[in-house]
Amino acid sequence: MVTTRGIEPGQIVRSLAGRDKGNHQVVLKIVDESYVYLVDGKQRTLKKPKKKKISHVQITKEWVNLKIDENDLNDSYIRKQLKAYEEPRRV
């Protein structure tokens, strides 16, 4: 039986499997004991979050404030919060 392992909405996680492997995302919602909805503000927007198994993400000790005014919670806000976690591009 898989538990949520202390994952909370707003927590930043890193994907361990799939096409988005290595990318950082924000937990939007916990579906059940096995799944969460993730957003990154780019490919996975607030209107189209990614449903992913909890076992396929690595938890960080960082959070994004999702309890801000609903008008301020948008994909741009999510992108800005995750910008610090992007790896520099190699040229």
C-alpha atoms as a PDB file:
ATOM      1  CA  MET A   1       0.000   0.000   0.000  1.00  0.00           C
ATOM      2  CA  VAL A   2       1.452   3.338  -1.111  1.00  0.00           C
ATOM      3  CA  THR A   3       1.002   6.348   1.137  1.00  0.00           C
ATOM      4  CA  THR A   4       1.268  10.006   0.251  1.00  0.00           C
ATOM      5  CA  ARG A   5       4.665  10.097   2.027  1.00  0.00           C
ATOM      6  CA  GLY A   6       3.970  13.554   3.433  1.00  0.00           C
ATOM      7  CA  ILE A   7       3.311  15.222   0.089  1.00  0.00           C
ATOM      8  CA  GLU A   8       1.200  18.362   0.348  1.00  0.00           C
ATOM      9  CA  PRO A   9      -0.343  20.693  -2.240  1.00  0.00           C
ATOM     10  CA  GLY A  10       2.131  23.420  -3.128  1.00  0.00           C
ATOM     11  CA  GLN A  11       5.167  21.227  -2.563  1.00  0.00           C
ATOM     12  CA  ILE A  12       7.846  21.190  -5.242  1.00  0.00           C
ATOM     13  CA  VAL A  13       8.784  17.732  -6.551  1.00  0.00           C
ATOM     14  CA  ARG A  14      11.163  16.389  -9.198  1.00  0.00           C
ATOM     15  CA  SER A  15       9.961  13.848 -11.720  1.00  0.00           C
ATOM     16  CA  LEU A  16      11.822  10.521 -11.647  1.00  0.00           C
ATOM     17  CA  ALA A  17      10.094   8.831 -14.590  1.00  0.00           C
ATOM     18  CA  GLY A  18       8.437   9.637 -17.893  1.00  0.00           C
ATOM     19  CA  ARG A  19       9.009  12.302 -20.528  1.00  0.00           C
ATOM     20  CA  ASP A  20       9.285  14.958 -17.850  1.00  0.00           C
ATOM     21  CA  LYS A  21      12.063  13.098 -15.977  1.00  0.00           C
ATOM     22  CA  GLY A  22      14.310  15.527 -14.120  1.00  0.00           C
ATOM     23  CA  ASN A  23      11.869  18.444 -14.301  1.00  0.00           C
ATOM     24  CA  HIS A  24      10.593  20.198 -11.208  1.00  0.00           C
ATOM     25  CA  GLN A  25       6.846  20.594 -10.779  1.00  0.00           C
ATOM     26  CA  VAL A  26       4.378  21.751  -8.144  1.00  0.00           C
ATOM     27  CA  VAL A  27       1.831  19.450  -6.506  1.00  0.00           C
ATOM     28  CA  LEU A  28      -1.552  20.987  -7.316  1.00  0.00           C
ATOM     29  CA  LYS A  29      -3.773  18.357  -5.726  1.00  0.00           C
ATOM     30  CA  ILE A  30      -3.556  14.933  -4.109  1.00  0.00           C
ATOM     31  CA  VAL A  31      -5.873  12.497  -5.911  1.00  0.00           C
ATOM     32  CA  ASP A  32      -5.554   9.503  -3.568  1.00  0.00           C
ATOM     33  CA  GLU A  33      -2.847   7.444  -1.862  1.00  0.00           C
ATOM     34  CA  SER A  34      -1.088   6.751  -5.171  1.00  0.00           C
ATOM     35  CA  TYR A  35      -1.560   9.779  -7.430  1.00  0.00           C
ATOM     36  CA  VAL A  36      -1.066  13.547  -7.461  1.00  0.00           C
ATOM     37  CA  TYR A  37      -1.774  16.290  -9.999  1.00  0.00           C
ATOM     38  CA  LEU A  38       1.337  18.247 -11.012  1.00  0.00           C
ATOM     39  CA  VAL A  39       1.753  21.576 -12.819  1.00  0.00           C
ATOM     40  CA  ASP A  40       4.784  23.405 -14.169  1.00  0.00           C
ATOM     41  CA  GLY A  41       3.134  26.387 -15.868  1.00  0.00           C
ATOM     42  CA  LYS A  42       4.504  25.410 -19.307  1.00  0.00           C
ATOM     43  CA  GLN A  43       3.460  22.025 -20.700  1.00  0.00           C
ATOM     44  CA  ARG A  44       1.337  21.237 -17.653  1.00  0.00           C
ATOM     45  CA  THR A  45      -0.861  24.200 -16.902  1.00  0.00           C
ATOM     46  CA  LEU A  46      -3.400  24.778 -14.158  1.00  0.00           C
ATOM     47  CA  LYS A  47      -6.156  23.879 -16.644  1.00  0.00           C
ATOM     48  CA  LYS A  48      -4.418  20.650 -17.726  1.00  0.00           C
ATOM     49  CA  PRO A  49      -2.392  19.187 -14.827  1.00  0.00           C
ATOM     50  CA  LYS A  50      -0.410  15.935 -15.087  1.00  0.00           C
ATOM     51  CA  LYS A  51      -1.677  12.967 -13.091  1.00  0.00           C
ATOM     52  CA  LYS A  52       1.383  11.102 -11.836  1.00  0.00           C
ATOM     53  CA  LYS A  53       2.136   8.278  -9.425  1.00  0.00           C
ATOM     54  CA  ILE A  54       3.637   9.437  -6.151  1.00  0.00           C
ATOM     55  CA  SER A  55       6.314   6.753  -6.475  1.00  0.00           C
ATOM     56  CA  HIS A  56       7.529   8.497  -9.659  1.00  0.00           C
ATOM     57  CA  VAL A  57       8.382  11.802  -7.965  1.00  0.00           C
ATOM     58  CA  GLN A  58      11.111  12.887  -5.573  1.00  0.00           C
ATOM     59  CA  ILE A  59       9.944  15.174  -2.787  1.00  0.00           C
ATOM     60  CA  THR A  60      11.822  18.370  -1.996  1.00  0.00           C
ATOM     61  CA  LYS A  61      11.563  20.465   1.138  1.00  0.00           C
ATOM     62  CA  GLU A  62      10.425  23.519  -0.829  1.00  0.00           C
ATOM     63  CA  TRP A  63       6.897  24.855  -1.243  1.00  0.00           C
ATOM     64  CA  VAL A  64       5.035  27.325  -3.440  1.00  0.00           C
ATOM     65  CA  ASN A  65       2.265  29.348  -1.837  1.00  0.00           C
ATOM     66  CA  LEU A  66      -0.933  28.137  -3.540  1.00  0.00           C
ATOM     67  CA  LYS A  67      -3.167  29.895  -1.022  1.00  0.00           C
ATOM     68  CA  ILE A  68      -2.677  33.317  -2.564  1.00  0.00           C
ATOM     69  CA  ASP A  69      -5.539  35.261  -4.097  1.00  0.00           C
ATOM     70  CA  GLU A  70      -7.173  33.199  -6.869  1.00  0.00           C
ATOM     71  CA  ASN A  71      -6.601  36.053  -9.332  1.00  0.00           C
ATOM     72  CA  ASP A  72      -2.845  35.839  -8.689  1.00  0.00           C
ATOM     73  CA  LEU A  73      -2.606  32.043  -9.024  1.00  0.00           C
ATOM     74  CA  ASN A  74      -1.826  31.464 -12.678  1.00  0.00           C
ATOM     75  CA  ASP A  75       0.676  29.623 -14.849  1.00  0.00           C
ATOM     76  CA  SER A  76       3.027  32.596 -14.905  1.00  0.00           C
ATOM     77  CA  TYR A  77       3.221  32.554 -11.092  1.00  0.00           C
ATOM     78  CA  ILE A  78       4.045  28.815 -11.138  1.00  0.00           C
ATOM     79  CA  ARG A  79       6.763  29.316 -13.793  1.00  0.00           C
ATOM     80  CA  LYS A  80       8.361  32.129 -11.785  1.00  0.00           C
ATOM     81  CA  GLN A  81       8.418  29.999  -8.624  1.00  0.00           C
ATOM     82  CA  LEU A  82      10.058  27.076 -10.473  1.00  0.00           C
ATOM     83  CA  LYS A  83      12.607  29.220 -12.330  1.00  0.00           C
ATOM     84  CA  ALA A  84      15.212  28.732  -9.594  1.00  0.00           C
ATOM     85  CA  TYR A  85      15.081  24.966 -10.175  1.00  0.00           C
ATOM     86  CA  GLU A  86      15.777  25.068 -13.910  1.00  0.00           C
ATOM     87  CA  GLU A  87      19.138  23.743 -14.986  1.00  0.00           C
ATOM     88  CA  PRO A  88      21.194  26.122 -17.128  1.00  0.00           C
ATOM     89  CA  ARG A  89      21.055  25.342 -20.823  1.00  0.00           C
ATOM     90  CA  ARG A  90      24.198  24.048 -22.451  1.00  0.00           C
ATOM     91  CA  VAL A  91      25.171  25.748 -25.681  1.00  0.00           C
END
